[in-house]
Every structure is written in C-alpha cells, then in structure tokens.
PDB file of N, CA and C in Angstrom:
ATOM      1  N   MET A   1      55.117 -28.127-116.781  1.00  0.00           N
ATOM      2  CA  MET A   1      56.306 -27.205-116.640  1.00  0.00           C
ATOM      3  C   MET A   1      55.986 -25.735-117.124  1.00  0.00           C
ATOM      4  N   LYS A   2      56.289 -24.746-116.531  1.00  0.00           N
ATOM      5  CA  LYS A   2      55.976 -23.296-116.691  1.00  0.00           C
ATOM      6  C   LYS A   2      57.023 -23.059-117.598  1.00  0.00           C
ATOM      7  N   THR A   3      56.769 -22.197-118.677  1.00  0.00           N
ATOM      8  CA  THR A   3      57.722 -21.593-119.480  1.00  0.00           C
ATOM      9  C   THR A   3      57.971 -20.190-119.180  1.00  0.00           C
ATOM     10  N   SER A   4      59.286 -19.592-119.292  1.00  0.00           N
ATOM     11  CA  SER A   4      59.386 -18.257-119.142  1.00  0.00           C
ATOM     12  C   SER A   4      59.629 -17.557-120.286  1.00  0.00           C
ATOM     13  N   HIS A   5      59.379 -16.325-120.077  1.00  0.00           N
ATOM     14  CA  HIS A   5      59.179 -15.325-121.386  1.00  0.00           C
ATOM     15  C   HIS A   5      60.215 -14.015-121.194  1.00  0.00           C
ATOM     16  N   SER A   6      61.009 -14.339-120.147  1.00  0.00           N
ATOM     17  CA  SER A   6      61.923 -13.382-119.769  1.00  0.00           C
ATOM     18  C   SER A   6      62.682 -12.547-120.695  1.00  0.00           C
ATOM     19  N   VAL A   7      63.193 -13.162-121.811  1.00  0.00           N
ATOM     20  CA  VAL A   7      64.013 -12.675-122.525  1.00  0.00           C
ATOM     21  C   VAL A   7      63.126 -11.667-123.484  1.00  0.00           C
ATOM     22  N   ALA A   8      62.022 -11.961-124.127  1.00  0.00           N
ATOM     23  CA  ALA A   8      61.063 -11.506-124.905  1.00  0.00           C
ATOM     24  C   ALA A   8      60.759 -10.187-124.130  1.00  0.00           C
ATOM     25  N   SER A   9      60.287 -10.584-122.839  1.00  0.00           N
ATOM     26  CA  SER A   9      59.499  -9.387-122.086  1.00  0.00           C
ATOM     27  C   SER A   9      60.668  -8.158-121.857  1.00  0.00           C
ATOM     28  N   ARG A  10      61.876  -8.707-121.503  1.00  0.00           N
ATOM     29  CA  ARG A  10      62.915  -7.733-121.330  1.00  0.00           C
ATOM     30  C   ARG A  10      63.204  -6.972-122.633  1.00  0.00           C
ATOM     31  N   LYS A  11      63.312  -7.546-123.585  1.00  0.00           N
ATOM     32  CA  LYS A  11      63.478  -6.946-124.880  1.00  0.00           C
ATOM     33  C   LYS A  11      62.446  -6.020-125.182  1.00  0.00           C
ATOM     34  N   ARG A  12      61.220  -6.387-124.964  1.00  0.00           N
ATOM     35  CA  ARG A  12      60.245  -5.521-125.203  1.00  0.00           C
ATOM     36  C   ARG A  12      60.001  -4.220-124.096  1.00  0.00           C
ATOM     37  N   ARG A  13      60.217  -4.520-123.170  1.00  0.00           N
ATOM     38  CA  ARG A  13      60.454  -3.355-122.079  1.00  0.00           C
ATOM     39  C   ARG A  13      61.649  -2.393-122.446  1.00  0.00           C
ATOM     40  N   LYS A  14      62.888  -2.908-122.804  1.00  0.00           N
ATOM     41  CA  LYS A  14      64.012  -2.196-123.188  1.00  0.00           C
ATOM     42  C   LYS A  14      63.372  -1.248-124.199  1.00  0.00           C
ATOM     43  N   LYS A  15      62.802  -1.823-125.319  1.00  0.00           N
ATOM     44  CA  LYS A  15      62.459  -1.281-126.402  1.00  0.00           C
ATOM     45  C   LYS A  15      61.573   0.202-126.133  1.00  0.00           C
ATOM     46  N   VAL A  16      60.597  -0.064-125.326  1.00  0.00           N
ATOM     47  CA  VAL A  16      59.794   1.042-124.860  1.00  0.00           C
ATOM     48  C   VAL A  16      60.629   2.087-124.116  1.00  0.00           C
ATOM     49  N   MET A  17      61.323   1.543-123.407  1.00  0.00           N
ATOM     50  CA  MET A  17      62.232   2.652-122.159  1.00  0.00           C
ATOM     51  C   MET A  17      63.151   3.308-123.124  1.00  0.00           C
ATOM     52  N   LYS A  18      63.709   2.847-124.014  1.00  0.00           N
ATOM     53  CA  LYS A  18      64.474   3.375-125.103  1.00  0.00           C
ATOM     54  C   LYS A  18      63.787   4.597-125.886  1.00  0.00           C
ATOM     55  N   ALA A  19      62.786   4.349-126.292  1.00  0.00           N
ATOM     56  CA  ALA A  19      61.899   5.255-127.021  1.00  0.00           C
ATOM     57  C   ALA A  19      61.329   6.344-126.149  1.00  0.00           C
ATOM     58  N   ALA A  20      61.070   5.989-124.604  1.00  0.00           N
ATOM     59  CA  ALA A  20      60.755   7.054-123.931  1.00  0.00           C
ATOM     60  C   ALA A  20      61.819   8.027-123.378  1.00  0.00           C
ATOM     61  N   ARG A  21      62.959   7.886-123.504  1.00  0.00           N
ATOM     62  CA  ARG A  21      64.333   8.593-123.197  1.00  0.00           C
ATOM     63  C   ARG A  21      63.906  10.163-123.544  1.00  0.00           C
ATOM     64  N   GLY A  22      64.330  10.956-122.369  1.00  0.00           N
ATOM     65  CA  GLY A  22      64.049  12.230-122.533  1.00  0.00           C
ATOM     66  C   GLY A  22      62.713  12.740-122.349  1.00  0.00           C
ATOM     67  N   TYR A  23      61.719  11.871-121.707  1.00  0.00           N
ATOM     68  CA  TYR A  23      60.511  12.310-121.693  1.00  0.00           C
ATOM     69  C   TYR A  23      60.710  12.673-119.884  1.00  0.00           C
ATOM     70  N   TRP A  24      59.639  13.535-119.662  1.00  0.00           N
ATOM     71  CA  TRP A  24      59.746  14.247-118.296  1.00  0.00           C
ATOM     72  C   TRP A  24      59.268  13.305-117.210  1.00  0.00           C
ATOM     73  N   GLY A  25      60.062  13.280-115.976  1.00  0.00           N
ATOM     74  CA  GLY A  25      59.697  12.518-114.829  1.00  0.00           C
ATOM     75  C   GLY A  25      59.356  11.192-115.260  1.00  0.00           C
ATOM     76  N   ASP A  26      58.277  10.623-114.518  1.00  0.00           N
ATOM     77  CA  ASP A  26      58.219   9.063-114.670  1.00  0.00           C
ATOM     78  C   ASP A  26      58.063   8.451-115.977  1.00  0.00           C
ATOM     79  N   ARG A  27      57.462   9.297-116.672  1.00  0.00           N
ATOM     80  CA  ARG A  27      57.512   9.019-118.149  1.00  0.00           C
ATOM     81  C   ARG A  27      58.586   8.443-118.806  1.00  0.00           C
ATOM     82  N   SER A  28      59.712   8.792-118.295  1.00  0.00           N
ATOM     83  CA  SER A  28      60.982   8.245-118.885  1.00  0.00           C
ATOM     84  C   SER A  28      61.713   7.053-117.739  1.00  0.00           C
ATOM     85  N   ARG A  29      60.922   7.031-116.816  1.00  0.00           N
ATOM     86  CA  ARG A  29      61.497   5.901-115.686  1.00  0.00           C
ATOM     87  C   ARG A  29      60.671   4.685-115.712  1.00  0.00           C
ATOM     88  N   ARG A  30      59.658   4.836-115.753  1.00  0.00           N
ATOM     89  CA  ARG A  30      58.565   3.704-115.409  1.00  0.00           C
ATOM     90  C   ARG A  30      57.744   3.237-116.628  1.00  0.00           C
ATOM     91  N   TYR A  31      57.901   1.872-116.641  1.00  0.00           N
ATOM     92  CA  TYR A  31      57.459   1.009-117.817  1.00  0.00           C
ATOM     93  C   TYR A  31      56.164   1.508-118.303  1.00  0.00           C
ATOM     94  N   ARG A  32      55.187   1.127-117.282  1.00  0.00           N
ATOM     95  CA  ARG A  32      53.656   1.752-117.520  1.00  0.00           C
ATOM     96  C   ARG A  32      53.559   2.978-118.029  1.00  0.00           C
ATOM     97  N   ARG A  33      53.869   3.996-117.082  1.00  0.00           N
ATOM     98  CA  ARG A  33      53.944   5.548-117.776  1.00  0.00           C
ATOM     99  C   ARG A  33      54.329   5.671-119.321  1.00  0.00           C
ATOM    100  N   ALA A  34      55.657   5.161-119.451  1.00  0.00           N
ATOM    101  CA  ALA A  34      56.329   5.098-120.662  1.00  0.00           C
ATOM    102  C   ALA A  34      55.539   4.637-121.722  1.00  0.00           C
ATOM    103  N   LEU A  35      54.696   3.506-121.425  1.00  0.00           N
ATOM    104  CA  LEU A  35      54.143   2.919-122.478  1.00  0.00           C
ATOM    105  C   LEU A  35      52.716   3.833-122.763  1.00  0.00           C
ATOM    106  N   GLU A  36      52.051   4.234-121.706  1.00  0.00           N
ATOM    107  CA  GLU A  36      51.059   5.184-122.006  1.00  0.00           C
ATOM    108  C   GLU A  36      51.246   6.317-122.790  1.00  0.00           C
ATOM    109  N   THR A  37      52.574   7.006-122.441  1.00  0.00           N
ATOM    110  CA  THR A  37      52.923   8.275-123.009  1.00  0.00           C
ATOM    111  C   THR A  37      53.489   7.911-124.658  1.00  0.00           C
ATOM    112  N   LEU A  38      53.916   6.636-124.801  1.00  0.00           N
ATOM    113  CA  LEU A  38      54.424   6.342-126.269  1.00  0.00           C
ATOM    114  C   LEU A  38      53.181   6.110-127.063  1.00  0.00           C
ATOM    115  N   ARG A  39      52.198   5.404-126.508  1.00  0.00           N
ATOM    116  CA  ARG A  39      50.862   5.217-127.261  1.00  0.00           C
ATOM    117  C   ARG A  39      50.095   6.588-127.673  1.00  0.00           C
ATOM    118  N   ARG A  40      50.066   7.332-126.489  1.00  0.00           N
ATOM    119  CA  ARG A  40      49.532   8.775-126.906  1.00  0.00           C
ATOM    120  C   ARG A  40      50.322   9.524-127.941  1.00  0.00           C
ATOM    121  N   ALA A  41      51.708   9.445-127.922  1.00  0.00           N
ATOM    122  CA  ALA A  41      52.581  10.075-128.750  1.00  0.00           C
ATOM    123  C   ALA A  41      52.197   9.482-130.074  1.00  0.00           C
ATOM    124  N   GLY A  42      52.202   8.415-130.341  1.00  0.00           N
ATOM    125  CA  GLY A  42      51.881   7.715-131.646  1.00  0.00           C
ATOM    126  C   GLY A  42      50.543   8.055-132.224  1.00  0.00           C
ATOM    127  N   ASN A  43      49.666   8.367-131.406  1.00  0.00           N
ATOM    128  CA  ASN A  43      48.260   8.707-131.939  1.00  0.00           C
ATOM    129  C   ASN A  43      48.569  10.026-132.465  1.00  0.00           C
ATOM    130  N   TYR A  44      49.008  11.167-131.713  1.00  0.00           N
ATOM    131  CA  TYR A  44      49.359  12.402-131.987  1.00  0.00           C
ATOM    132  C   TYR A  44      50.152  12.565-133.404  1.00  0.00           C
ATOM    133  N   ALA A  45      51.131  11.567-133.676  1.00  0.00           N
ATOM    134  CA  ALA A  45      52.099  11.709-134.811  1.00  0.00           C
ATOM    135  C   ALA A  45      51.161  11.204-135.911  1.00  0.00           C
ATOM    136  N   TYR A  46      50.358  10.110-135.765  1.00  0.00           N
ATOM    137  CA  TYR A  46      49.542   9.828-136.857  1.00  0.00           C
ATOM    138  C   TYR A  46      48.658  10.688-137.266  1.00  0.00           C
ATOM    139  N   ARG A  47      48.053  11.448-136.360  1.00  0.00           N
ATOM    140  CA  ARG A  47      46.761  12.388-136.572  1.00  0.00           C
ATOM    141  C   ARG A  47      47.552  13.626-137.173  1.00  0.00           C
ATOM    142  N   ASP A  48      48.863  13.977-136.781  1.00  0.00           N
ATOM    143  CA  ASP A  48      49.426  15.317-137.253  1.00  0.00           C
ATOM    144  C   ASP A  48      50.072  15.078-138.671  1.00  0.00           C
ATOM    145  N   ARG A  49      50.419  13.802-139.044  1.00  0.00           N
ATOM    146  CA  ARG A  49      50.969  13.568-140.511  1.00  0.00           C
ATOM    147  C   ARG A  49      49.903  14.143-141.569  1.00  0.00           C
ATOM    148  N   ARG A  50      48.847  13.672-140.938  1.00  0.00           N
ATOM    149  CA  ARG A  50      47.549  14.249-141.706  1.00  0.00           C
ATOM    150  C   ARG A  50      47.435  15.599-141.757  1.00  0.00           C
ATOM    151  N   THR A  51      47.212  16.392-140.397  1.00  0.00           N
ATOM    152  CA  THR A  51      47.000  17.720-140.443  1.00  0.00           C
ATOM    153  C   THR A  51      48.148  18.532-141.147  1.00  0.00           C
ATOM    154  N   LYS A  52      49.174  18.294-141.157  1.00  0.00           N
ATOM    155  CA  LYS A  52      50.538  18.903-141.722  1.00  0.00           C
ATOM    156  C   LYS A  52      50.050  19.119-143.197  1.00  0.00           C
ATOM    157  N   LYS A  53      49.666  18.002-143.718  1.00  0.00           N
ATOM    158  CA  LYS A  53      49.188  18.112-145.297  1.00  0.00           C
ATOM    159  C   LYS A  53      48.289  19.225-145.475  1.00  0.00           C
ATOM    160  N   ARG A  54      47.323  19.293-144.688  1.00  0.00           N
ATOM    161  CA  ARG A  54      45.973  20.098-144.572  1.00  0.00           C
ATOM    162  C   ARG A  54      46.448  21.496-144.626  1.00  0.00           C
ATOM    163  N   ILE A  55      47.633  21.702-143.633  1.00  0.00           N
ATOM    164  CA  ILE A  55      48.077  23.074-143.297  1.00  0.00           C
ATOM    165  C   ILE A  55      48.906  23.447-144.276  1.00  0.00           C
ATOM    166  N   PHE A  56      49.672  22.736-144.920  1.00  0.00           N
ATOM    167  CA  PHE A  56      50.823  23.186-146.097  1.00  0.00           C
ATOM    168  C   PHE A  56      49.842  23.442-147.337  1.00  0.00           C
ATOM    169  N   LYS A  57      48.705  22.634-147.566  1.00  0.00           N
ATOM    170  CA  LYS A  57      47.866  23.050-148.718  1.00  0.00           C
ATOM    171  C   LYS A  57      47.088  24.408-148.472  1.00  0.00           C
ATOM    172  N   SER A  58      46.821  24.696-147.267  1.00  0.00           N
ATOM    173  CA  SER A  58      46.294  25.990-147.050  1.00  0.00           C
ATOM    174  C   SER A  58      47.100  27.298-147.372  1.00  0.00           C
ATOM    175  N   LEU A  59      48.518  26.903-146.944  1.00  0.00           N
ATOM    176  CA  LEU A  59      49.686  27.936-146.895  1.00  0.00           C
ATOM    177  C   LEU A  59      49.874  28.106-148.472  1.00  0.00           C
ATOM    178  N   TRP A  60      49.909  27.085-149.162  1.00  0.00           N
ATOM    179  CA  TRP A  60      50.089  27.225-150.767  1.00  0.00           C
ATOM    180  C   TRP A  60      49.085  28.099-151.327  1.00  0.00           C
ATOM    181  N   ILE A  61      47.731  27.573-150.914  1.00  0.00           N
ATOM    182  CA  ILE A  61      46.596  28.369-151.786  1.00  0.00           C
ATOM    183  C   ILE A  61      46.582  29.947-150.977  1.00  0.00           C
ATOM    184  N   THR A  62      47.117  30.344-150.024  1.00  0.00           N
ATOM    185  CA  THR A  62      47.355  31.719-149.381  1.00  0.00           C
ATOM    186  C   THR A  62      48.189  32.449-150.342  1.00  0.00           C
ATOM    187  N   ARG A  63      49.368  31.591-150.632  1.00  0.00           N
ATOM    188  CA  ARG A  63      50.594  32.228-151.151  1.00  0.00           C
ATOM    189  C   ARG A  63      49.872  32.589-152.918  1.00  0.00           C
ATOM    190  N   ILE A  64      49.327  31.570-153.227  1.00  0.00           N
ATOM    191  CA  ILE A  64      48.998  31.631-154.630  1.00  0.00           C
ATOM    192  C   ILE A  64      47.870  32.923-154.934  1.00  0.00           C
ATOM    193  N   ASN A  65      47.176  32.881-153.915  1.00  0.00           N
ATOM    194  CA  ASN A  65      46.040  33.866-153.864  1.00  0.00           C
ATOM    195  C   ASN A  65      46.605  35.258-153.821  1.00  0.00           C
ATOM    196  N   ALA A  66      47.301  35.426-153.088  1.00  0.00           N
ATOM    197  CA  ALA A  66      48.087  36.795-152.906  1.00  0.00           C
ATOM    198  C   ALA A  66      48.954  37.238-153.865  1.00  0.00           C
ATOM    199  N   ALA A  67      49.522  36.205-154.690  1.00  0.00           N
ATOM    200  CA  ALA A  67      50.005  36.748-155.966  1.00  0.00           C
ATOM    201  C   ALA A  67      49.095  36.984-156.973  1.00  0.00           C
ATOM    202  N   LEU A  68      48.125  36.148-156.935  1.00  0.00           N
ATOM    203  CA  LEU A  68      46.985  36.573-157.999  1.00  0.00           C
ATOM    204  C   LEU A  68      46.370  37.828-157.930  1.00  0.00           C
ATOM    205  N   ASN A  69      46.179  38.253-156.250  1.00  0.00           N
ATOM    206  CA  ASN A  69      45.536  39.578-156.229  1.00  0.00           C
ATOM    207  C   ASN A  69      46.357  40.634-156.735  1.00  0.00           C
ATOM    208  N   GLU A  70      47.756  40.583-156.881  1.00  0.00           N
ATOM    209  CA  GLU A  70      48.521  41.522-157.437  1.00  0.00           C
ATOM    210  C   GLU A  70      48.380  41.532-158.764  1.00  0.00           C
ATOM    211  N   ARG A  71      47.844  40.491-159.383  1.00  0.00           N
ATOM    212  CA  ARG A  71      47.685  40.588-160.910  1.00  0.00           C
ATOM    213  C   ARG A  71      46.175  40.698-161.223  1.00  0.00           C
ATOM    214  N   GLY A  72      45.479  41.061-160.342  1.00  0.00           N
ATOM    215  CA  GLY A  72      44.021  41.398-160.601  1.00  0.00           C
ATOM    216  C   GLY A  72      43.232  40.374-160.798  1.00  0.00           C
ATOM    217  N   THR A  73      43.666  38.975-160.278  1.00  0.00           N
ATOM    218  CA  THR A  73      42.726  37.735-160.717  1.00  0.00           C
ATOM    219  C   THR A  73      42.355  37.202-159.370  1.00  0.00           C
ATOM    220  N   VAL A  74      41.325  36.266-159.354  1.00  0.00           N
ATOM    221  CA  VAL A  74      41.014  35.569-158.260  1.00  0.00           C
ATOM    222  C   VAL A  74      41.501  33.979-158.251  1.00  0.00           C
ATOM    223  N   TYR A  75      41.749  33.582-157.068  1.00  0.00           N
ATOM    224  CA  TYR A  75      42.085  32.110-157.058  1.00  0.00           C
ATOM    225  C   TYR A  75      41.374  31.071-157.504  1.00  0.00           C
ATOM    226  N   LYS A  76      40.017  31.301-157.215  1.00  0.00           N
ATOM    227  CA  LYS A  76      38.903  30.078-157.776  1.00  0.00           C
ATOM    228  C   LYS A  76      38.979  30.385-159.333  1.00  0.00           C
ATOM    229  N   ASP A  77      38.753  31.382-160.041  1.00  0.00           N
ATOM    230  CA  ASP A  77      38.843  31.567-161.293  1.00  0.00           C
ATOM    231  C   ASP A  77      40.171  31.018-161.984  1.00  0.00           C
ATOM    232  N   PHE A  78      41.308  31.230-161.478  1.00  0.00           N
ATOM    233  CA  PHE A  78      42.605  30.715-161.801  1.00  0.00           C
ATOM    234  C   PHE A  78      42.583  29.324-161.809  1.00  0.00           C
ATOM    235  N   ILE A  79      42.124  28.670-160.845  1.00  0.00           N
ATOM    236  CA  ILE A  79      42.421  27.234-160.732  1.00  0.00           C
ATOM    237  C   ILE A  79      41.504  26.776-161.643  1.00  0.00           C
ATOM    238  N   HIS A  80      40.217  26.982-162.029  1.00  0.00           N
ATOM    239  CA  HIS A  80      39.183  26.758-162.822  1.00  0.00           C
ATOM    240  C   HIS A  80      39.570  26.716-164.244  1.00  0.00           C
ATOM    241  N   GLN A  81      40.387  27.998-164.596  1.00  0.00           N
ATOM    242  CA  GLN A  81      41.162  28.030-165.951  1.00  0.00           C
ATOM    243  C   GLN A  81      42.080  27.048-166.217  1.00  0.00           C
ATOM    244  N   LEU A  82      42.963  26.921-165.025  1.00  0.00           N
ATOM    245  CA  LEU A  82      44.091  25.779-165.230  1.00  0.00           C
ATOM    246  C   LEU A  82      43.487  24.433-165.418  1.00  0.00           C
ATOM    247  N   LYS A  83      42.465  24.080-164.845  1.00  0.00           N
ATOM    248  CA  LYS A  83      42.000  22.741-164.973  1.00  0.00           C
ATOM    249  C   LYS A  83      41.032  22.660-166.561  1.00  0.00           C
ATOM    250  N   LYS A  84      40.635  23.708-166.811  1.00  0.00           N
ATOM    251  CA  LYS A  84      39.869  23.987-168.207  1.00  0.00           C
ATOM    252  C   LYS A  84      41.033  23.752-169.377  1.00  0.00           C
ATOM    253  N   LYS A  85      42.080  24.275-168.905  1.00  0.00           N
ATOM    254  CA  LYS A  85      43.402  24.180-170.250  1.00  0.00           C
ATOM    255  C   LYS A  85      44.170  23.091-169.923  1.00  0.00           C
ATOM    256  N   GLU A  86      43.839  22.483-168.834  1.00  0.00           N
ATOM    257  CA  GLU A  86      44.667  21.112-168.662  1.00  0.00           C
ATOM    258  C   GLU A  86      46.022  21.076-168.540  1.00  0.00           C
ATOM    259  N   VAL A  87      46.366  22.252-167.622  1.00  0.00           N
ATOM    260  CA  VAL A  87      47.555  22.604-167.116  1.00  0.00           C
ATOM    261  C   VAL A  87      47.754  21.870-165.646  1.00  0.00           C
ATOM    262  N   MET A  88      48.789  20.915-165.884  1.00  0.00           N
ATOM    263  CA  MET A  88      48.984  20.046-164.785  1.00  0.00           C
ATOM    264  C   MET A  88      50.004  20.634-163.573  1.00  0.00           C
ATOM    265  N   LEU A  89      49.682  21.463-163.143  1.00  0.00           N
ATOM    266  CA  LEU A  89      50.732  22.177-162.071  1.00  0.00           C
ATOM    267  C   LEU A  89      49.924  22.012-160.558  1.00  0.00           C
ATOM    268  N   SER A  90      50.648  21.437-159.760  1.00  0.00           N
ATOM    269  CA  SER A  90      50.320  21.158-158.351  1.00  0.00           C
ATOM    270  C   SER A  90      50.249  22.675-157.503  1.00  0.00           C
ATOM    271  N   ARG A  91      49.766  22.676-156.403  1.00  0.00           N
ATOM    272  CA  ARG A  91      49.653  23.968-155.793  1.00  0.00           C
ATOM    273  C   ARG A  91      50.758  24.084-155.054  1.00  0.00           C
ATOM    274  N   ASP A  92      51.645  23.329-154.640  1.00  0.00           N
ATOM    275  CA  ASP A  92      53.139  23.625-154.085  1.00  0.00           C
ATOM    276  C   ASP A  92      53.922  24.069-155.073  1.00  0.00           C
ATOM    277  N   ILE A  93      53.819  23.628-156.378  1.00  0.00           N
ATOM    278  CA  ILE A  93      54.903  24.176-157.346  1.00  0.00           C
ATOM    279  C   ILE A  93      54.302  25.619-157.663  1.00  0.00           C
ATOM    280  N   LEU A  94      52.861  25.722-157.785  1.00  0.00           N
ATOM    281  CA  LEU A  94      52.734  27.137-158.203  1.00  0.00           C
ATOM    282  C   LEU A  94      52.836  28.080-157.278  1.00  0.00           C
ATOM    283  N   ALA A  95      52.652  27.722-155.858  1.00  0.00           N
ATOM    284  CA  ALA A  95      53.136  28.787-154.756  1.00  0.00           C
ATOM    285  C   ALA A  95      54.548  29.156-154.879  1.00  0.00           C
ATOM    286  N   LYS A  96      55.478  27.922-155.188  1.00  0.00           N
ATOM    287  CA  LYS A  96      56.997  28.233-155.252  1.00  0.00           C
ATOM    288  C   LYS A  96      57.222  29.088-156.512  1.00  0.00           C
ATOM    289  N   ILE A  97      56.659  28.863-157.580  1.00  0.00           N
ATOM    290  CA  ILE A  97      57.065  29.722-158.708  1.00  0.00           C
ATOM    291  C   ILE A  97      56.506  31.263-158.422  1.00  0.00           C
ATOM    292  N   ALA A  98      55.340  31.217-157.810  1.00  0.00           N
ATOM    293  CA  ALA A  98      54.773  32.485-157.384  1.00  0.00           C
ATOM    294  C   ALA A  98      55.638  33.411-156.632  1.00  0.00           C
ATOM    295  N   SER A  99      56.385  32.828-155.590  1.00  0.00           N
ATOM    296  CA  SER A  99      57.322  33.367-154.520  1.00  0.00           C
ATOM    297  C   SER A  99      58.489  33.720-155.241  1.00  0.00           C
ATOM    298  N   GLU A 100      59.116  32.750-155.833  1.00  0.00           N
ATOM    299  CA  GLU A 100      60.528  32.594-156.318  1.00  0.00           C
ATOM    300  C   GLU A 100      60.620  33.139-157.738  1.00  0.00           C
ATOM    301  N   TYR A 101      59.662  32.948-158.762  1.00  0.00           N
ATOM    302  CA  TYR A 101      59.913  33.441-160.032  1.00  0.00           C
ATOM    303  C   TYR A 101      58.566  34.097-160.596  1.00  0.00           C
ATOM    304  N   PRO A 102      58.327  35.365-160.094  1.00  0.00           N
ATOM    305  CA  PRO A 102      57.355  36.246-160.519  1.00  0.00           C
ATOM    306  C   PRO A 102      57.033  36.391-161.908  1.00  0.00           C
ATOM    307  N   GLU A 103      58.254  36.555-162.815  1.00  0.00           N
ATOM    308  CA  GLU A 103      58.087  36.726-164.320  1.00  0.00           C
ATOM    309  C   GLU A 103      57.407  35.434-164.825  1.00  0.00           C
ATOM    310  N   VAL A 104      57.739  34.006-164.229  1.00  0.00           N
ATOM    311  CA  VAL A 104      57.206  32.999-165.036  1.00  0.00           C
ATOM    312  C   VAL A 104      55.922  32.902-164.558  1.00  0.00           C
ATOM    313  N   PHE A 105      55.596  33.245-163.199  1.00  0.00           N
ATOM    314  CA  PHE A 105      54.254  33.197-162.727  1.00  0.00           C
ATOM    315  C   PHE A 105      53.403  34.237-163.414  1.00  0.00           C
ATOM    316  N   ASP A 106      53.739  35.325-163.976  1.00  0.00           N
ATOM    317  CA  ASP A 106      53.060  36.276-165.114  1.00  0.00           C
ATOM    318  C   ASP A 106      52.666  35.478-166.189  1.00  0.00           C
ATOM    319  N   LYS A 107      53.478  34.664-166.872  1.00  0.00           N
ATOM    320  CA  LYS A 107      53.338  34.100-168.031  1.00  0.00           C
ATOM    321  C   LYS A 107      52.268  33.109-168.002  1.00  0.00           C
ATOM    322  N   ILE A 108      52.372  32.423-166.857  1.00  0.00           N
ATOM    323  CA  ILE A 108      51.366  31.090-166.555  1.00  0.00           C
ATOM    324  C   ILE A 108      49.876  31.843-166.144  1.00  0.00           C
ATOM    325  N   VAL A 109      49.892  33.041-165.622  1.00  0.00           N
ATOM    326  CA  VAL A 109      48.538  33.732-165.310  1.00  0.00           C
ATOM    327  C   VAL A 109      48.154  34.250-166.991  1.00  0.00           C
ATOM    328  N   GLU A 110      48.834  35.036-167.844  1.00  0.00           N
ATOM    329  CA  GLU A 110      48.383  35.204-169.148  1.00  0.00           C
ATOM    330  C   GLU A 110      48.182  34.214-169.972  1.00  0.00           C
ATOM    331  N   ALA A 111      48.835  32.923-169.768  1.00  0.00           N
ATOM    332  CA  ALA A 111      48.335  31.987-170.448  1.00  0.00           C
ATOM    333  C   ALA A 111      47.098  31.081-170.195  1.00  0.00           C
ATOM    334  N   VAL A 112      46.657  31.303-169.003  1.00  0.00           N
ATOM    335  CA  VAL A 112      45.586  30.760-168.432  1.00  0.00           C
ATOM    336  C   VAL A 112      44.179  31.662-169.110  1.00  0.00           C
ATOM    337  N   LYS A 113      44.466  32.940-168.856  1.00  0.00           N
ATOM    338  CA  LYS A 113      43.470  33.945-169.197  1.00  0.00           C
ATOM    339  C   LYS A 113      42.857  33.869-170.406  1.00  0.00           C
TER     340      LYS A 113
END
C-alpha cells in the first residue's frame, strides 16, 4: 500500500509560498523559484546579520575618533588607557556619550589621561 504525503507537502509548499509573497515575477508564483529565492535570502540574512555588527562597530570607532581629535588625542591611545585604567565602557556607549553628552565625554577623556 502506497502512503500519501499530500497534507504535509501542501503545508510545506504553502509555507514557502507565503514567505515568498511580494517577490517579483515567478519568484512569488512558482514553488521551485520561490524556494531558491528564499534559500538565497536566508543566506544573505545570515551573512548580513554579522556584517551589520562589523559596520556598526566601525561607525562607533569613527565617531569616537572624531570626538577625540577635537580634544587633541588619538583613538588608539584612548582605548589603551581605558583598558589600563579598567574603565568598562563599550564603544557604542562611548560613541553615544561623545555625540550626545560632550561634557561627560570630556570628563572621561580627562580621567583617562
């Protein structure tokens, strides 16, 4: 006796087609094209979640460096001194302080020098 997998197959295909809504052309209408596109989209999403972190860290460093240049110091030396003095502030917090609270950032720079 041959068993049928129609319920599971239909459910799986519906899930793929629902996820592919809004894609251009056959990518939203044909199962095989939709599956290929979703697979590729998943790969890009996975890769770019990591790339996003890298880009943001670079942005924070640029902002901190710009603020430090105004105060006559260099990023490399500042970070070294922070670690030496065991000041536990992340780069995103430092960047936020530098842009939104310059007087607080001045105090941090003076404390580290």
